[in-house]
PDB file of N, CA and C in Angstrom:
ATOM      1  N   MET A   1       8.842  -6.718  20.322  1.00  0.00           N
ATOM      2  CA  MET A   1       8.013  -6.706  19.669  1.00  0.00           C
ATOM      3  C   MET A   1       7.455  -5.113  19.296  1.00  0.00           C
ATOM      4  N   THR A   2       7.711  -5.283  17.548  1.00  0.00           N
ATOM      5  CA  THR A   2       7.747  -3.927  16.701  1.00  0.00           C
ATOM      6  C   THR A   2       5.757  -4.182  16.218  1.00  0.00           C
ATOM      7  N   ALA A   3       6.015  -2.919  16.780  1.00  0.00           N
ATOM      8  CA  ALA A   3       4.100  -2.250  16.382  1.00  0.00           C
ATOM      9  C   ALA A   3       4.017  -2.696  14.764  1.00  0.00           C
ATOM     10  N   SER A   4       2.966  -2.781  14.610  1.00  0.00           N
ATOM     11  CA  SER A   4       2.442  -3.084  13.161  1.00  0.00           C
ATOM     12  C   SER A   4       1.375  -2.068  12.425  1.00  0.00           C
ATOM     13  N   VAL A   5       1.528  -1.650  10.580  1.00  0.00           N
ATOM     14  CA  VAL A   5       0.522  -0.124  11.024  1.00  0.00           C
ATOM     15  C   VAL A   5       0.042  -1.732   9.717  1.00  0.00           C
ATOM     16  N   SER A   6      -1.340  -1.397   9.379  1.00  0.00           N
ATOM     17  CA  SER A   6      -1.836  -1.669   8.759  1.00  0.00           C
ATOM     18  C   SER A   6      -2.460  -1.119   7.410  1.00  0.00           C
ATOM     19  N   VAL A   7      -1.676  -1.833   5.835  1.00  0.00           N
ATOM     20  CA  VAL A   7      -1.932  -1.303   4.800  1.00  0.00           C
ATOM     21  C   VAL A   7      -3.120  -2.204   3.540  1.00  0.00           C
ATOM     22  N   THR A   8      -3.667  -0.944   3.625  1.00  0.00           N
ATOM     23  CA  THR A   8      -4.811  -1.879   2.877  1.00  0.00           C
ATOM     24  C   THR A   8      -5.100  -1.167   1.212  1.00  0.00           C
ATOM     25  N   CYS A   9      -4.995  -2.523   0.218  1.00  0.00           N
ATOM     26  CA  CYS A   9      -5.069  -1.672  -1.322  1.00  0.00           C
ATOM     27  C   CYS A   9      -6.489  -1.969  -2.003  1.00  0.00           C
ATOM     28  N   SER A  10      -6.428  -1.064  -2.724  1.00  0.00           N
ATOM     29  CA  SER A  10      -8.297  -1.089  -3.400  1.00  0.00           C
ATOM     30  C   SER A  10      -8.163  -0.643  -4.641  1.00  0.00           C
ATOM     31  N   TRP A  11      -8.966  -1.177  -6.248  1.00  0.00           N
ATOM     32  CA  TRP A  11      -9.360  -0.157  -7.377  1.00  0.00           C
ATOM     33  C   TRP A  11      -9.711   0.870  -6.986  1.00  0.00           C
ATOM     34  N   VAL A  12      -8.932   1.966  -8.120  1.00  0.00           N
ATOM     35  CA  VAL A  12      -9.290   3.752  -7.668  1.00  0.00           C
ATOM     36  C   VAL A  12     -10.615   2.642  -9.000  1.00  0.00           C
ATOM     37  N   PRO A  13     -11.790   3.212  -8.865  1.00  0.00           N
ATOM     38  CA  PRO A  13     -12.993   2.983  -9.912  1.00  0.00           C
ATOM     39  C   PRO A  13     -12.763   3.441 -10.577  1.00  0.00           C
ATOM     40  N   GLY A  14     -12.636   3.102 -11.621  1.00  0.00           N
ATOM     41  CA  GLY A  14     -12.650   3.264 -13.664  1.00  0.00           C
ATOM     42  C   GLY A  14     -11.358   2.831 -14.651  1.00  0.00           C
ATOM     43  N   THR A  15     -10.390   2.393 -13.680  1.00  0.00           N
ATOM     44  CA  THR A  15      -8.871   2.145 -14.191  1.00  0.00           C
ATOM     45  C   THR A  15      -9.379   0.766 -13.984  1.00  0.00           C
ATOM     46  N   LEU A  16      -8.023   0.230 -14.685  1.00  0.00           N
ATOM     47  CA  LEU A  16      -7.644  -1.220 -15.117  1.00  0.00           C
ATOM     48  C   LEU A  16      -5.965  -1.209 -14.441  1.00  0.00           C
ATOM     49  N   ASP A  17      -5.227   0.108 -14.692  1.00  0.00           N
ATOM     50  CA  ASP A  17      -4.085  -0.376 -13.335  1.00  0.00           C
ATOM     51  C   ASP A  17      -4.003   0.988 -12.341  1.00  0.00           C
ATOM     52  N   ARG A  18      -4.167   1.253 -11.553  1.00  0.00           N
ATOM     53  CA  ARG A  18      -4.148   2.054 -10.539  1.00  0.00           C
ATOM     54  C   ARG A  18      -4.889   1.515  -9.537  1.00  0.00           C
ATOM     55  N   ILE A  19      -4.007   1.988  -8.728  1.00  0.00           N
ATOM     56  CA  ILE A  19      -4.779   1.331  -6.910  1.00  0.00           C
ATOM     57  C   ILE A  19      -4.296   1.825  -5.851  1.00  0.00           C
ATOM     58  N   ARG A  20      -5.122   2.648  -5.480  1.00  0.00           N
ATOM     59  CA  ARG A  20      -5.195   3.110  -4.057  1.00  0.00           C
ATOM     60  C   ARG A  20      -4.560   2.467  -2.833  1.00  0.00           C
ATOM     61  N   VAL A  21      -3.632   3.115  -2.185  1.00  0.00           N
ATOM     62  CA  VAL A  21      -2.731   2.398  -1.530  1.00  0.00           C
ATOM     63  C   VAL A  21      -3.282   3.643   0.151  1.00  0.00           C
ATOM     64  N   THR A  22      -3.433   2.886   1.371  1.00  0.00           N
ATOM     65  CA  THR A  22      -4.139   3.185   2.491  1.00  0.00           C
ATOM     66  C   THR A  22      -3.305   2.990   3.534  1.00  0.00           C
ATOM     67  N   CYS A  23      -2.789   4.207   3.870  1.00  0.00           N
ATOM     68  CA  CYS A  23      -1.604   2.976   5.033  1.00  0.00           C
ATOM     69  C   CYS A  23      -1.305   4.306   6.296  1.00  0.00           C
ATOM     70  N   ALA A  24      -2.094   4.522   7.811  1.00  0.00           N
ATOM     71  CA  ALA A  24      -1.854   4.933   8.348  1.00  0.00           C
ATOM     72  C   ALA A  24      -1.859   6.617   8.306  1.00  0.00           C
ATOM     73  N   GLN A  25      -3.564   6.304   7.587  1.00  0.00           N
ATOM     74  CA  GLN A  25      -3.818   8.180   7.657  1.00  0.00           C
ATOM     75  C   GLN A  25      -3.257   8.588   5.893  1.00  0.00           C
ATOM     76  N   HIS A  26      -2.370   7.753   5.358  1.00  0.00           N
ATOM     77  CA  HIS A  26      -2.613   8.179   4.272  1.00  0.00           C
ATOM     78  C   HIS A  26      -3.102   7.433   2.722  1.00  0.00           C
ATOM     79  N   ASP A  27      -2.868   8.147   2.132  1.00  0.00           N
ATOM     80  CA  ASP A  27      -3.631   7.786   0.724  1.00  0.00           C
ATOM     81  C   ASP A  27      -2.907   8.585  -0.431  1.00  0.00           C
ATOM     82  N   GLU A  28      -2.752   7.109  -0.984  1.00  0.00           N
ATOM     83  CA  GLU A  28      -2.092   7.304  -2.098  1.00  0.00           C
ATOM     84  C   GLU A  28      -2.334   6.753  -3.337  1.00  0.00           C
ATOM     85  N   VAL A  29      -1.885   6.649  -4.994  1.00  0.00           N
ATOM     86  CA  VAL A  29      -2.520   6.053  -5.972  1.00  0.00           C
ATOM     87  C   VAL A  29      -1.377   5.737  -6.948  1.00  0.00           C
ATOM     88  N   TRP A  30      -1.551   4.328  -5.833  1.00  0.00           N
ATOM     89  CA  TRP A  30       0.545   4.214  -7.347  1.00  0.00           C
ATOM     90  C   TRP A  30      -0.109   2.852  -8.293  1.00  0.00           C
ATOM     91  N   HIS A  31       0.722   2.590  -8.851  1.00  0.00           N
ATOM     92  CA  HIS A  31       0.240   1.962 -10.862  1.00  0.00           C
ATOM     93  C   HIS A  31       0.559   0.781  -9.944  1.00  0.00           C
ATOM     94  N   ILE A  32      -0.566  -0.159 -10.310  1.00  0.00           N
ATOM     95  CA  ILE A  32      -0.266  -2.228 -10.711  1.00  0.00           C
ATOM     96  C   ILE A  32       1.375  -2.203 -10.406  1.00  0.00           C
ATOM     97  N   ARG A  33       1.350  -2.345 -11.312  1.00  0.00           N
ATOM     98  CA  ARG A  33       3.330  -2.973 -11.345  1.00  0.00           C
ATOM     99  C   ARG A  33       4.177  -2.232  -9.337  1.00  0.00           C
ATOM    100  N   ASP A  34       3.835  -1.270  -9.306  1.00  0.00           N
ATOM    101  CA  ASP A  34       4.385  -1.462  -8.149  1.00  0.00           C
ATOM    102  C   ASP A  34       3.912  -1.929  -6.934  1.00  0.00           C
ATOM    103  N   VAL A  35       2.429  -1.718  -7.432  1.00  0.00           N
ATOM    104  CA  VAL A  35       1.710  -2.453  -6.095  1.00  0.00           C
ATOM    105  C   VAL A  35       2.694  -4.049  -6.146  1.00  0.00           C
ATOM    106  N   ALA A  36       2.747  -4.655  -7.249  1.00  0.00           N
ATOM    107  CA  ALA A  36       3.291  -5.804  -7.382  1.00  0.00           C
ATOM    108  C   ALA A  36       4.530  -5.966  -7.339  1.00  0.00           C
ATOM    109  N   ASN A  37       5.919  -5.357  -7.678  1.00  0.00           N
ATOM    110  CA  ASN A  37       7.285  -4.610  -6.795  1.00  0.00           C
ATOM    111  C   ASN A  37       7.008  -5.195  -5.930  1.00  0.00           C
ATOM    112  N   ARG A  38       6.441  -4.414  -4.741  1.00  0.00           N
ATOM    113  CA  ARG A  38       6.140  -4.482  -3.064  1.00  0.00           C
ATOM    114  C   ARG A  38       5.746  -5.712  -2.608  1.00  0.00           C
ATOM    115  N   TYR A  39       4.687  -6.322  -3.186  1.00  0.00           N
ATOM    116  CA  TYR A  39       4.319  -6.798  -2.047  1.00  0.00           C
ATOM    117  C   TYR A  39       3.561  -8.572  -3.047  1.00  0.00           C
ATOM    118  N   GLY A  40       3.890  -7.665  -4.034  1.00  0.00           N
ATOM    119  CA  GLY A  40       3.780  -9.907  -4.802  1.00  0.00           C
ATOM    120  C   GLY A  40       2.881 -10.403  -5.813  1.00  0.00           C
ATOM    121  N   ARG A  41       3.318 -11.753  -6.424  1.00  0.00           N
ATOM    122  CA  ARG A  41       1.274 -12.321  -6.386  1.00  0.00           C
ATOM    123  C   ARG A  41       0.412 -12.304  -5.836  1.00  0.00           C
ATOM    124  N   GLU A  42       1.306 -12.335  -3.849  1.00  0.00           N
ATOM    125  CA  GLU A  42      -0.300 -12.461  -3.389  1.00  0.00           C
ATOM    126  C   GLU A  42      -1.141 -11.238  -3.323  1.00  0.00           C
ATOM    127  N   ALA A  43      -0.687 -10.109  -3.022  1.00  0.00           N
ATOM    128  CA  ALA A  43      -1.208  -9.183  -3.550  1.00  0.00           C
ATOM    129  C   ALA A  43      -1.808  -8.459  -5.247  1.00  0.00           C
ATOM    130  N   LEU A  44      -1.726  -9.020  -5.827  1.00  0.00           N
ATOM    131  CA  LEU A  44      -2.610  -9.153  -7.129  1.00  0.00           C
ATOM    132  C   LEU A  44      -3.307  -9.873  -7.376  1.00  0.00           C
ATOM    133  N   ASN A  45      -3.695 -11.812  -6.824  1.00  0.00           N
ATOM    134  CA  ASN A  45      -4.118 -11.785  -6.680  1.00  0.00           C
ATOM    135  C   ASN A  45      -5.880 -11.712  -6.152  1.00  0.00           C
ATOM    136  N   ALA A  46      -5.680 -11.588  -4.960  1.00  0.00           N
ATOM    137  CA  ALA A  46      -5.641 -10.495  -3.959  1.00  0.00           C
ATOM    138  C   ALA A  46      -7.003  -9.236  -4.801  1.00  0.00           C
ATOM    139  N   LEU A  47      -6.416  -8.054  -5.122  1.00  0.00           N
ATOM    140  CA  LEU A  47      -7.446  -7.307  -6.332  1.00  0.00           C
ATOM    141  C   LEU A  47      -7.558  -8.086  -7.284  1.00  0.00           C
ATOM    142  N   TYR A  48      -6.929  -8.995  -8.023  1.00  0.00           N
ATOM    143  CA  TYR A  48      -8.270  -9.062  -9.062  1.00  0.00           C
ATOM    144  C   TYR A  48      -8.729 -10.295  -8.244  1.00  0.00           C
ATOM    145  N   LEU A  49      -9.010 -10.601  -7.579  1.00  0.00           N
ATOM    146  CA  LEU A  49     -10.709 -11.942  -7.036  1.00  0.00           C
ATOM    147  C   LEU A  49     -10.916 -11.624  -6.013  1.00  0.00           C
ATOM    148  N   LYS A  50     -11.092 -10.399  -4.854  1.00  0.00           N
ATOM    149  CA  LYS A  50     -12.110  -9.513  -4.493  1.00  0.00           C
ATOM    150  C   LYS A  50     -11.697  -8.203  -4.283  1.00  0.00           C
ATOM    151  N   GLY A  51     -11.486  -7.658  -5.439  1.00  0.00           N
ATOM    152  CA  GLY A  51     -11.082  -6.165  -4.908  1.00  0.00           C
ATOM    153  C   GLY A  51     -10.114  -5.414  -4.160  1.00  0.00           C
ATOM    154  N   ARG A  52      -9.187  -5.911  -3.603  1.00  0.00           N
ATOM    155  CA  ARG A  52      -8.820  -5.249  -2.290  1.00  0.00           C
ATOM    156  C   ARG A  52      -7.680  -6.317  -1.489  1.00  0.00           C
ATOM    157  N   TYR A  53      -6.979  -5.832  -0.791  1.00  0.00           N
ATOM    158  CA  TYR A  53      -5.625  -6.334  -0.180  1.00  0.00           C
ATOM    159  C   TYR A  53      -5.345  -5.956   0.893  1.00  0.00           C
ATOM    160  N   GLN A  54      -5.310  -6.953   1.785  1.00  0.00           N
ATOM    161  CA  GLN A  54      -4.735  -5.710   2.824  1.00  0.00           C
ATOM    162  C   GLN A  54      -3.742  -6.724   3.800  1.00  0.00           C
ATOM    163  N   THR A  55      -2.313  -6.243   4.025  1.00  0.00           N
ATOM    164  CA  THR A  55      -1.421  -6.595   4.965  1.00  0.00           C
ATOM    165  C   THR A  55      -0.832  -5.025   6.428  1.00  0.00           C
ATOM    166  N   HIS A  56      -0.538  -6.438   7.415  1.00  0.00           N
ATOM    167  CA  HIS A  56       0.702  -4.979   8.312  1.00  0.00           C
ATOM    168  C   HIS A  56       1.934  -5.178   7.655  1.00  0.00           C
ATOM    169  N   VAL A  57       2.777  -4.015   8.342  1.00  0.00           N
ATOM    170  CA  VAL A  57       3.794  -3.813   7.305  1.00  0.00           C
ATOM    171  C   VAL A  57       5.158  -2.976   8.775  1.00  0.00           C
ATOM    172  N   SER A  58       5.488  -2.950   9.430  1.00  0.00           N
ATOM    173  CA  SER A  58       6.144  -2.482  10.600  1.00  0.00           C
ATOM    174  C   SER A  58       6.608  -1.112  10.282  1.00  0.00           C
ATOM    175  N   ARG A  59       6.815  -0.114  11.261  1.00  0.00           N
ATOM    176  CA  ARG A  59       6.690   0.957  11.629  1.00  0.00           C
ATOM    177  C   ARG A  59       8.190   1.748  10.670  1.00  0.00           C
ATOM    178  N   ARG A  60       8.722   0.472  10.657  1.00  0.00           N
ATOM    179  CA  ARG A  60      10.276   0.722   9.701  1.00  0.00           C
ATOM    180  C   ARG A  60      10.375   0.857   8.443  1.00  0.00           C
ATOM    181  N   GLU A  61       9.603  -0.087   7.879  1.00  0.00           N
ATOM    182  CA  GLU A  61       9.054  -0.352   6.720  1.00  0.00           C
ATOM    183  C   GLU A  61       8.440   0.335   5.710  1.00  0.00           C
ATOM    184  N   LEU A  62       7.162   1.291   6.989  1.00  0.00           N
ATOM    185  CA  LEU A  62       6.127   2.320   6.348  1.00  0.00           C
ATOM    186  C   LEU A  62       7.102   3.322   6.168  1.00  0.00           C
ATOM    187  N   LEU A  63       8.479   4.093   6.952  1.00  0.00           N
ATOM    188  CA  LEU A  63       8.980   4.895   6.280  1.00  0.00           C
ATOM    189  C   LEU A  63       9.021   4.565   5.453  1.00  0.00           C
ATOM    190  N   ALA A  64       9.480   3.761   3.820  1.00  0.00           N
ATOM    191  CA  ALA A  64       9.958   2.950   2.809  1.00  0.00           C
ATOM    192  C   ALA A  64       8.883   4.289   1.794  1.00  0.00           C
ATOM    193  N   PHE A  65       8.185   4.081   2.660  1.00  0.00           N
ATOM    194  CA  PHE A  65       6.556   4.641   1.540  1.00  0.00           C
ATOM    195  C   PHE A  65       7.410   6.584   1.410  1.00  0.00           C
ATOM    196  N   PRO A  66       6.787   6.320  -0.259  1.00  0.00           N
ATOM    197  CA  PRO A  66       7.377   7.590  -0.622  1.00  0.00           C
ATOM    198  C   PRO A  66       6.380   8.630   0.188  1.00  0.00           C
ATOM    199  N   PHE A  67       5.143   8.591   0.340  1.00  0.00           N
ATOM    200  CA  PHE A  67       3.795   9.089   0.751  1.00  0.00           C
ATOM    201  C   PHE A  67       4.478   9.953   2.114  1.00  0.00           C
ATOM    202  N   ILE A  68       5.074   8.526   2.952  1.00  0.00           N
ATOM    203  CA  ILE A  68       4.990   9.005   4.730  1.00  0.00           C
ATOM    204  C   ILE A  68       6.331   9.267   4.302  1.00  0.00           C
ATOM    205  N   ALA A  69       7.219   8.962   3.978  1.00  0.00           N
ATOM    206  CA  ALA A  69       8.187   9.995   4.189  1.00  0.00           C
ATOM    207  C   ALA A  69       8.381  11.558   3.765  1.00  0.00           C
ATOM    208  N   ARG A  70       7.168  11.635   3.389  1.00  0.00           N
ATOM    209  CA  ARG A  70       7.711  13.087   2.635  1.00  0.00           C
ATOM    210  C   ARG A  70       6.809  13.491   4.341  1.00  0.00           C
ATOM    211  N   THR A  71       6.066  12.569   4.628  1.00  0.00           N
ATOM    212  CA  THR A  71       5.172  13.380   6.179  1.00  0.00           C
ATOM    213  C   THR A  71       5.778  13.449   6.888  1.00  0.00           C
ATOM    214  N   GLU A  72       7.142  13.240   6.643  1.00  0.00           N
ATOM    215  CA  GLU A  72       7.388  12.646   8.307  1.00  0.00           C
ATOM    216  C   GLU A  72       8.738  13.527   8.635  1.00  0.00           C
ATOM    217  N   PRO A  73       8.580  14.260  10.082  1.00  0.00           N
ATOM    218  CA  PRO A  73       9.803  15.051  10.389  1.00  0.00           C
ATOM    219  C   PRO A  73      10.668  14.543  10.414  1.00  0.00           C
ATOM    220  N   LYS A  74      11.716  14.735   9.535  1.00  0.00           N
ATOM    221  CA  LYS A  74      13.413  14.722  10.585  1.00  0.00           C
ATOM    222  C   LYS A  74      13.975  14.631  11.424  1.00  0.00           C
ATOM    223  N   SER A  75      14.350  13.914  11.707  1.00  0.00           N
ATOM    224  CA  SER A  75      15.083  14.219  13.015  1.00  0.00           C
ATOM    225  C   SER A  75      16.474  14.324  13.041  1.00  0.00           C
TER     226      SER A  75
END
């Protein structure tokens, strides 16, 4: 069984195209286009209708996040 990490996306206040992506105690701002490319229509619908989107990713997928990759020690 692979451990998963929660990823939360929410709007940056006062913007129409910036999304705050939070996971594994890291926080970064992405363009809405990047969120759409990674999570698809489901994420966009949730953001526009509820203001936030939450999903889970595996630890392996987490390493693909740019801000995680910059902070992870290299083995």
